[in-house]
């Protein structure tokens, strides 16, 4: 699917089944690729897209399962989630490496005439798909990765491995807690970590994934600007244009990673105002992140994600959006001043101590190598400095002698 995967487990089963399990995981991913990957020109989805026929096209039961869920979310979002939107994505230059341009209105209108999940029919027995538009193209990249995560989780459970974390392209699913009782946890990245490179930014949320999943969609890595106007890769299928002022990122927690994956994409198009209404109606846990003009992150959440398990952002600041809070990108000055004061006091104490003892400041033990403690011992005895690097000559010789005696014994 053009991305990475990581499977982490907490189990002793791998002691004798590691190689076999890895082979089974790779085989399962290859199987799903052969069904739903547009990167594979021989896959079921690629052959379906190439076909101009309006007859039933036989596919695997899994392919049908994913399309059924895609159609369900398409209806619940009034078309905001539409896996047939590829012609518009390509037209705007997000589907390949072509030059980014603002298409003509006539080109957008023409592209919209060949999209719409309402033009895809599904048959469960025998499993098959049918399209009423010859040029219609399916792209399941916004839901198939999540399905693959669920599929790998099923592989692990079949092997009696119940404590795990599966990650495909940033979509994650956790199993039962680890043997020590700790849950599997996933961090929801702050958009500021990309917008302010080199500056450490906290996660916006830390999520406990106990037999549940989290998926994130965002535009802060995939956009372009022309004449000062920013165009997001989040295309609204109902207009054919990129969403105006989209969230920087949307994350969804759901029992099914397939559903979480699709909902995260849908919420990018809906935005927080419409998205939160749908989330509450459907009982979804959603986190919207917006980056304001002042460089703050504005958060909007519903469900479990409304209750953060990560360090909470600063107190809410009126922002014009109901239920929002801000996490500033600039840290408060007080901790730095306090740390500086403590450091100065420590240095002053060391200086006074060495003057009283009439000793030089030296050594790698923080300048205390030659200063005895209350028991008359050198500080070198309590640090992790290797013997040959200890700057207290007397103590170094003593330690070397002790080491030699120990070796002879």
Protein backbone atom coordinates (compact mmCIF):
# COMPACT_ATOMS: atom_id res chain seq x y z
CA UNK A 1 0.00 0.00 0.00
CA UNK A 2 2.99 2.27 -0.38
CA UNK A 3 3.66 2.60 3.35
CA UNK A 4 5.31 0.89 6.34
CA UNK A 5 4.05 -1.58 8.91
CA UNK A 6 5.17 -2.52 12.42
CA UNK A 7 3.88 -5.38 14.58
CA UNK A 8 4.93 -5.37 18.25
CA UNK A 9 3.93 -8.16 20.61
CA UNK A 10 4.31 -8.99 24.29
CA UNK A 11 4.46 -12.77 24.25
CA UNK A 12 6.80 -15.72 24.80
CA UNK A 13 5.25 -17.50 21.82
CA UNK A 14 7.88 -16.03 19.49
CA UNK A 15 10.57 -18.15 21.11
CA UNK A 16 9.68 -20.98 18.75
CA UNK A 17 7.26 -19.40 16.24
CA UNK A 18 8.86 -16.09 15.37
CA UNK A 19 9.88 -16.89 11.80
CA UNK A 20 6.58 -18.62 11.06
CA UNK A 21 4.57 -15.72 12.45
CA UNK A 22 6.49 -13.16 10.39
CA UNK A 23 5.92 -15.23 7.25
CA UNK A 24 2.20 -15.44 8.01
CA UNK A 25 1.98 -11.66 8.51
CA UNK A 26 3.74 -10.93 5.21
CA UNK A 27 1.51 -13.41 3.42
CA UNK A 28 -1.63 -11.78 4.85
CA UNK A 29 -0.49 -8.32 3.78
CA UNK A 30 0.34 -9.58 0.28
CA UNK A 31 -3.16 -11.07 0.07
CA UNK A 32 -4.81 -7.77 1.00
CA UNK A 33 -2.57 -5.89 -1.44
CA UNK A 34 -3.68 -8.23 -4.21
CA UNK A 35 -7.27 -7.26 -3.46
CA UNK A 36 -7.31 -3.54 -2.63
CA UNK A 37 -3.99 -1.89 -3.50
CA UNK A 38 -4.00 0.53 -6.43
CA UNK A 39 -0.19 0.27 -6.34
CA UNK A 40 -0.59 -3.27 -7.70
CA UNK A 41 -1.76 -3.08 -11.33
CA UNK A 42 -2.91 -6.71 -11.18
CA UNK A 43 -4.99 -6.31 -8.02
CA UNK A 44 -8.76 -6.74 -7.93
CA UNK A 45 -9.33 -3.02 -7.45
CA UNK A 46 -7.01 -2.08 -10.33
CA UNK A 47 -8.79 -4.50 -12.67
CA UNK A 48 -12.18 -3.19 -11.51
CA UNK A 49 -11.08 0.38 -12.19
CA UNK A 50 -9.76 -0.54 -15.63
CA UNK A 51 -13.01 -2.23 -16.60
CA UNK A 52 -15.55 -0.16 -18.54
CA UNK A 53 -18.28 -2.74 -18.06
CA UNK A 54 -21.46 -2.11 -16.08
CA UNK A 55 -21.87 -5.84 -15.35
CA UNK A 56 -21.13 -7.52 -12.02
CA UNK A 57 -17.40 -7.81 -11.36
CA UNK A 58 -16.39 -10.73 -9.12
CA UNK A 59 -14.21 -9.79 -6.14
CA UNK A 60 -13.18 -11.33 -2.83
CA UNK A 61 -15.52 -11.26 0.21
CA UNK A 62 -13.04 -8.99 2.01
CA UNK A 63 -13.12 -6.44 -0.80
CA UNK A 64 -16.93 -6.37 -0.56
CA UNK A 65 -16.76 -5.99 3.23
CA UNK A 66 -14.59 -2.87 2.94
CA UNK A 67 -16.76 -1.34 0.21
CA UNK A 68 -19.91 -1.94 2.30
CA UNK A 69 -18.37 0.03 5.19
CA UNK A 70 -17.23 2.76 2.79
CA UNK A 71 -20.75 3.12 1.41
CA UNK A 72 -22.18 3.26 4.94
CA UNK A 73 -19.91 6.15 5.96
CA UNK A 74 -20.51 7.82 2.58
CA UNK A 75 -24.24 7.94 3.40
CA UNK A 76 -23.78 9.03 7.03
CA UNK A 77 -21.58 11.96 5.93
CA UNK A 78 -23.72 13.03 2.95
CA UNK A 79 -20.87 12.24 0.57
CA UNK A 80 -18.00 13.78 2.55
CA UNK A 81 -16.29 10.38 2.54
CA UNK A 82 -16.13 9.20 -1.06
CA UNK A 83 -13.56 6.60 -2.22
CA UNK A 84 -14.34 7.45 -5.87
CA UNK A 85 -12.85 10.95 -5.58
CA UNK A 86 -9.55 10.00 -7.30
CA UNK A 87 -10.23 12.01 -10.50
CA UNK A 88 -10.47 15.19 -8.41
CA UNK A 89 -7.36 14.32 -6.38
CA UNK A 90 -5.41 13.75 -9.60
CA UNK A 91 -6.79 16.93 -11.15
CA UNK A 92 -5.49 19.01 -8.25
CA UNK A 93 -2.11 17.27 -8.44
CA UNK A 94 -2.25 15.36 -5.16
CA UNK A 95 -2.38 11.91 -6.72
CA UNK A 96 1.04 11.97 -8.37
CA UNK A 97 4.07 14.17 -8.93
CA UNK A 98 2.49 16.43 -11.51
CA UNK A 99 2.71 20.22 -11.13
CA UNK A 100 0.26 21.65 -8.61
CA UNK A 101 -2.24 23.99 -10.28
CA UNK A 102 -5.71 25.38 -9.64
CA UNK A 103 -7.87 23.60 -12.25
CA UNK A 104 -10.40 25.37 -14.40
CA UNK A 105 -14.01 25.25 -13.25
CA UNK A 106 -14.94 23.27 -16.37
CA UNK A 107 -12.31 20.62 -15.57
CA UNK A 108 -13.61 20.30 -12.00
CA UNK A 109 -17.17 19.94 -13.25
CA UNK A 110 -16.14 17.23 -15.71
CA UNK A 111 -14.24 15.28 -13.06
CA UNK A 112 -17.20 15.38 -10.70
CA UNK A 113 -19.34 13.70 -13.36
CA UNK A 114 -17.35 10.49 -12.93
CA UNK A 115 -17.42 10.19 -9.13
CA UNK A 116 -19.91 9.13 -6.45
CA UNK A 117 -20.23 6.01 -4.30
CA UNK A 118 -23.93 5.96 -5.14
CA UNK A 119 -22.79 4.64 -8.54
CA UNK A 120 -21.23 1.54 -6.95
CA UNK A 121 -23.46 -1.45 -6.20
CA UNK A 122 -22.50 -4.33 -3.92
CA UNK A 123 -23.52 -7.98 -4.02
CA UNK A 124 -22.68 -10.19 -1.05
CA UNK A 125 -23.39 -13.64 -2.55
CA UNK A 126 -21.51 -14.30 -4.66
CA UNK A 127 -19.32 -11.27 -3.78
CA UNK A 128 -19.19 -8.75 -6.59
CA UNK A 129 -19.25 -5.05 -7.43
CA UNK A 130 -20.94 -3.16 -10.24
CA UNK A 131 -20.54 0.45 -11.41
CA UNK A 132 -23.04 2.50 -13.36
CA UNK A 133 -20.38 4.94 -14.61
CA UNK A 134 -17.80 3.35 -16.95
CA UNK A 135 -15.01 5.73 -15.88
CA UNK A 136 -15.64 5.42 -12.13
CA UNK A 137 -12.50 4.65 -10.11
CA UNK A 138 -12.31 3.19 -6.61
CA UNK A 139 -9.45 4.14 -4.27
CA UNK A 140 -9.66 2.57 -0.81
CA UNK A 141 -6.46 4.13 0.57
CA UNK A 142 -8.49 5.92 3.26
CA UNK A 143 -9.98 2.71 4.62
CA UNK A 144 -7.97 -0.31 3.40
CA UNK A 145 -4.98 0.40 5.65
CA UNK A 146 -7.29 0.29 8.66
CA UNK A 147 -8.78 -2.97 7.43
CA UNK A 148 -5.28 -4.44 7.07
CA UNK A 149 -4.53 -3.47 10.68
CA UNK A 150 -7.64 -5.35 11.82
CA UNK A 151 -6.65 -8.31 9.65
CA UNK A 152 -3.16 -8.55 11.19
CA UNK A 153 -4.69 -8.32 14.66
CA UNK A 154 -6.85 -11.31 13.75
CA UNK A 155 -3.76 -13.23 12.61
CA UNK A 156 -2.11 -12.65 15.98
CA UNK A 157 -5.19 -13.69 17.95
CA UNK A 158 -5.42 -16.89 15.88
CA UNK A 159 -1.89 -17.66 17.10
CA UNK A 160 -2.97 -17.07 20.73
CA UNK A 161 -1.09 -13.75 20.83
CA UNK A 162 -3.48 -11.33 22.48
CA UNK A 163 -1.14 -8.56 23.68
CA UNK A 164 0.13 -6.54 20.72
CA UNK A 165 0.27 -3.27 18.80
CA UNK A 166 -0.19 -3.19 15.02
CA UNK A 167 0.78 -0.09 13.04
CA UNK A 168 0.29 0.36 9.29
CA UNK A 169 1.08 3.80 7.98
CA UNK A 170 0.29 5.42 11.33
CA UNK A 171 -3.03 3.64 11.90
CA UNK A 172 -2.79 1.66 15.15
CA UNK A 173 -4.62 -1.11 16.96
CA UNK A 174 -3.81 -2.44 20.41
CA UNK A 175 -4.67 -5.78 21.94
CA UNK A 176 -4.99 -6.77 25.57
CA UNK A 177 -2.68 -5.08 28.13
CA UNK A 178 0.91 -6.27 28.45
CA UNK A 179 1.97 -8.95 30.92
CA UNK A 180 2.93 -6.25 33.43
CA UNK A 181 -0.60 -4.83 33.29
CA UNK A 182 0.29 -1.71 31.31
CA UNK A 183 -1.95 -0.87 28.34
CA UNK A 184 -0.65 -0.31 24.84
CA UNK A 185 -0.51 3.44 24.27
CA UNK A 186 -0.39 5.59 21.15
CA UNK A 187 0.48 9.27 20.93
CA UNK A 188 -1.54 11.64 18.75
CA UNK A 189 1.05 13.98 17.27
CA UNK A 190 0.69 17.74 17.55
CA UNK A 191 0.79 19.55 14.18
CA UNK A 192 3.38 21.87 15.71
CA UNK A 193 5.95 19.05 15.62
CA UNK A 194 6.06 19.51 11.85
CA UNK A 195 5.38 23.23 11.63
CA UNK A 196 8.13 24.03 14.14
CA UNK A 197 10.94 21.59 13.24
CA UNK A 198 13.67 21.21 15.81
CA UNK A 199 11.41 22.19 18.68
CA UNK A 200 10.07 19.39 20.84
CA UNK A 201 6.30 19.48 20.98
CA UNK A 202 4.10 17.37 23.27
CA UNK A 203 1.56 14.90 21.97
CA UNK A 204 -1.91 16.35 21.86
CA UNK A 205 -3.30 13.17 23.35
CA UNK A 206 -1.99 9.88 24.71
CA UNK A 207 -4.50 7.11 24.03
CA UNK A 208 -4.79 3.78 25.83
CA UNK A 209 -5.59 1.20 23.16
CA UNK A 210 -7.20 -1.73 24.96
CA UNK A 211 -8.62 -3.80 22.10
CA UNK A 212 -9.30 -0.58 20.18
CA UNK A 213 -7.79 1.50 17.39
CA UNK A 214 -6.79 5.05 16.54
CA UNK A 215 -6.42 6.56 13.08
CA UNK A 216 -5.34 10.06 12.06
CA UNK A 217 -5.75 12.10 8.90
CA UNK A 218 -4.10 15.48 8.39
CA UNK A 219 -3.24 18.16 5.87
CA UNK A 220 -0.24 19.77 7.56
CA UNK A 221 2.10 17.57 5.52
CA UNK A 222 0.19 17.52 2.22
CA UNK A 223 -0.79 20.88 0.73
CA UNK A 224 0.45 23.54 -1.66
CA UNK A 225 0.23 27.33 -1.91
CA UNK A 226 -0.36 29.50 -4.99
CA UNK A 227 -0.51 33.30 -4.80
CA UNK A 228 -0.69 33.14 -1.02
CA UNK A 229 -3.67 30.76 -0.99
CA UNK A 230 -3.21 27.37 0.68
CA UNK A 231 -4.87 24.36 -0.93
CA UNK A 232 -5.38 21.25 1.19
CA UNK A 233 -5.29 17.67 -0.08
CA UNK A 234 -8.66 17.20 1.67
CA UNK A 235 -10.97 17.47 -1.35
CA UNK A 236 -14.68 18.01 -0.75
CA UNK A 237 -16.38 15.64 -3.24
CA UNK A 238 -19.57 17.71 -3.10
CA UNK A 239 -17.82 20.81 -4.49
CA UNK A 240 -14.70 19.46 -6.19
CA UNK A 241 -12.54 21.97 -4.29
CA UNK A 242 -10.11 21.56 -1.38
CA UNK A 243 -11.72 22.19 1.98
CA UNK A 244 -11.35 25.79 3.15
CA UNK A 245 -9.66 26.14 6.55
CA UNK A 246 -9.53 22.38 7.14
CA UNK A 247 -8.33 20.89 10.42
CA UNK A 248 -4.58 20.38 10.61
CA UNK A 249 -5.39 16.85 11.75
CA UNK A 250 -8.28 14.68 12.86
CA UNK A 251 -7.95 11.52 14.96
CA UNK A 252 -10.63 8.92 15.65
CA UNK A 253 -10.66 6.14 18.25
CA UNK A 254 -12.83 3.16 17.35
CA UNK A 255 -12.97 -0.56 18.02
CA UNK A 256 -12.48 -1.14 14.29
CA UNK A 257 -9.36 0.36 12.74
CA UNK A 258 -11.07 0.16 9.34
CA UNK A 259 -13.88 2.39 10.58
CA UNK A 260 -11.50 4.73 12.43
CA UNK A 261 -9.45 5.15 9.24
CA UNK A 262 -12.48 6.09 7.14
CA UNK A 263 -14.02 8.36 9.78
CA UNK A 264 -10.76 10.31 10.18
CA UNK A 265 -10.78 11.13 6.46
CA UNK A 266 -14.47 12.01 6.52
CA UNK A 267 -13.99 14.36 9.47
CA UNK A 268 -11.23 16.23 7.61
CA UNK A 269 -13.83 17.18 5.01
CA UNK A 270 -16.68 17.83 7.46
CA UNK A 271 -14.66 20.05 9.82
CA UNK A 272 -15.29 20.39 13.53
CA UNK A 273 -18.72 22.07 13.44
CA UNK A 274 -20.43 19.44 11.29
CA UNK A 275 -18.07 16.67 12.38
CA UNK A 276 -18.81 16.96 16.08
CA UNK A 277 -22.54 16.77 15.38
CA UNK A 278 -22.06 13.55 13.41
CA UNK A 279 -19.62 12.19 16.03
CA UNK A 280 -22.15 12.63 18.82
CA UNK A 281 -24.92 11.08 16.74
CA UNK A 282 -22.75 8.05 15.94
CA UNK A 283 -21.08 7.80 19.35
CA UNK A 284 -17.60 8.44 17.94
CA UNK A 285 -14.47 9.57 19.77
CA UNK A 286 -12.91 12.33 17.65
CA UNK A 287 -10.18 14.94 18.10
CA UNK A 288 -9.90 17.94 15.74
CA UNK A 289 -6.68 19.98 15.74
CA UNK A 290 -6.49 23.44 14.18
CA UNK A 291 -3.41 25.66 13.99
CA UNK A 292 -4.34 29.30 14.55
CA UNK A 293 -2.69 32.37 12.99
CA UNK A 294 -0.92 32.98 16.30
CA UNK A 295 0.74 29.55 16.19
CA UNK A 296 -1.44 27.88 18.80
CA UNK A 297 -3.17 24.52 18.47
CA UNK A 298 -6.93 24.68 18.93
CA UNK A 299 -8.57 21.43 19.99
CA UNK A 300 -12.15 20.18 19.60
CA UNK A 301 -13.10 16.73 20.82
CA UNK A 302 -15.95 14.33 21.42
CA UNK A 303 -16.23 11.01 23.22
CA UNK A 304 -13.15 9.46 24.85
CA UNK A 305 -10.83 11.98 23.20
CA UNK A 306 -12.58 14.81 25.02
CA UNK A 307 -10.92 13.46 28.17
CA UNK A 308 -7.18 13.62 27.60
CA UNK A 309 -4.81 11.15 29.25
CA UNK A 310 -1.87 13.29 28.12
CA UNK A 311 -0.71 16.44 29.93
CA UNK A 312 -3.68 18.77 29.33
CA UNK A 313 -3.32 21.94 27.27
CA UNK A 314 -3.46 25.35 28.98
CA UNK A 315 -6.88 26.61 30.16
CA UNK A 316 -9.36 27.28 27.41
CA UNK A 317 -9.23 30.66 25.73
CA UNK A 318 -12.31 32.08 23.96
CA UNK A 319 -11.77 31.30 20.29
CA UNK A 320 -15.10 31.54 18.54
CA UNK A 321 -15.55 27.76 18.41
CA UNK A 322 -17.63 26.05 21.05
CA UNK A 323 -15.92 23.47 23.21
CA UNK A 324 -12.41 24.41 22.14
CA UNK A 325 -9.14 24.78 24.01
CA UNK A 326 -5.71 26.11 23.07
CA UNK A 327 -2.26 24.62 23.51
CA UNK A 328 0.33 27.36 23.04
CA UNK A 329 3.50 26.72 21.06
CA UNK A 330 5.50 28.99 23.39
CA UNK A 331 6.36 27.51 26.79
CA UNK A 332 5.84 29.62 29.97
CA UNK A 333 8.98 31.53 31.09
CA UNK A 334 8.70 30.68 34.78
CA UNK A 335 10.18 27.13 34.69
CA UNK A 336 13.25 28.40 32.85
CA UNK A 337 13.84 31.18 35.35
CA UNK A 338 13.43 28.76 38.26
CA UNK A 339 15.84 26.28 36.70
CA UNK A 340 18.41 29.03 36.10
CA UNK A 341 18.13 30.18 39.73
CA UNK A 342 18.69 26.64 41.03
CA UNK A 343 21.70 26.23 38.74
CA UNK A 344 23.27 29.50 39.96
CA UNK A 345 22.75 28.50 43.61
CA UNK A 346 24.38 25.11 42.94
CA UNK A 347 27.41 26.69 41.25
CA UNK A 348 27.77 29.21 44.07
CA UNK A 349 27.67 26.41 46.66
CA UNK A 350 30.38 24.48 44.81
CA UNK A 351 32.60 27.56 44.57
CA UNK A 352 32.28 28.38 48.27
CA UNK A 353 33.02 24.76 49.17
CA UNK A 354 36.20 24.62 47.11
CA UNK A 355 37.43 27.97 48.50
CA UNK A 356 36.92 26.77 52.07
CA UNK A 357 38.74 23.51 51.29
CA UNK A 358 41.47 25.39 49.36
CA UNK A 359 41.02 22.99 46.43
CA UNK A 360 40.93 23.45 42.65
CA UNK A 361 37.77 22.87 40.68
CA UNK A 362 38.50 19.82 38.56
CA UNK A 363 37.36 16.38 37.51
CA UNK A 364 34.41 14.93 35.60
CA UNK A 365 32.29 14.46 38.71
CA UNK A 366 30.86 17.97 38.42
CA UNK A 367 33.90 19.69 39.94
CA UNK A 368 33.68 17.70 43.17
CA UNK A 369 36.35 15.09 42.43
CA UNK A 370 38.72 16.34 45.11
CA UNK A 371 36.16 17.36 47.72
CA UNK A 372 35.54 14.81 50.50
CA UNK A 373 32.04 14.32 51.81
CA UNK A 374 30.97 14.24 55.44
CA UNK A 375 32.32 10.71 55.75
CA UNK A 376 35.70 11.70 54.33
CA UNK A 377 35.17 9.90 51.00
CA UNK A 378 35.59 11.37 47.53
CA UNK A 379 32.53 12.05 45.41
CA UNK A 380 34.13 9.89 42.72
CA UNK A 381 32.99 6.89 44.72
CA UNK A 382 29.35 7.75 44.05
CA UNK A 383 29.39 8.63 40.35
CA UNK A 384 29.56 6.40 37.29
CA UNK A 385 32.89 7.75 36.04
CA UNK A 386 35.24 4.90 35.01
CA UNK A 387 38.21 4.39 37.33
CA UNK A 388 40.78 5.52 34.76
CA UNK A 389 38.88 8.78 34.23
CA UNK A 390 38.49 9.73 37.91
CA UNK A 391 40.36 12.99 38.46
CA UNK A 392 41.11 12.31 42.15
CA UNK A 393 44.57 10.73 41.82
CA UNK A 394 44.60 9.20 45.31
CA UNK A 395 41.13 7.72 44.88
CA UNK A 396 41.92 6.48 41.35
CA UNK A 397 45.00 4.60 42.61
CA UNK A 398 42.97 3.10 45.46
CA UNK A 399 40.19 1.92 43.11
CA UNK A 400 42.71 0.41 40.68
CA UNK A 401 44.37 -1.51 43.54
CA UNK A 402 41.00 -2.81 44.71
CA UNK A 403 40.15 -3.91 41.16
CA UNK A 404 43.46 -5.77 40.81
CA UNK A 405 42.93 -7.53 44.14
CA UNK A 406 39.43 -8.54 43.05
CA UNK A 407 40.80 -9.98 39.79
CA UNK A 408 43.44 -12.02 41.63
CA UNK A 409 40.77 -13.49 43.91
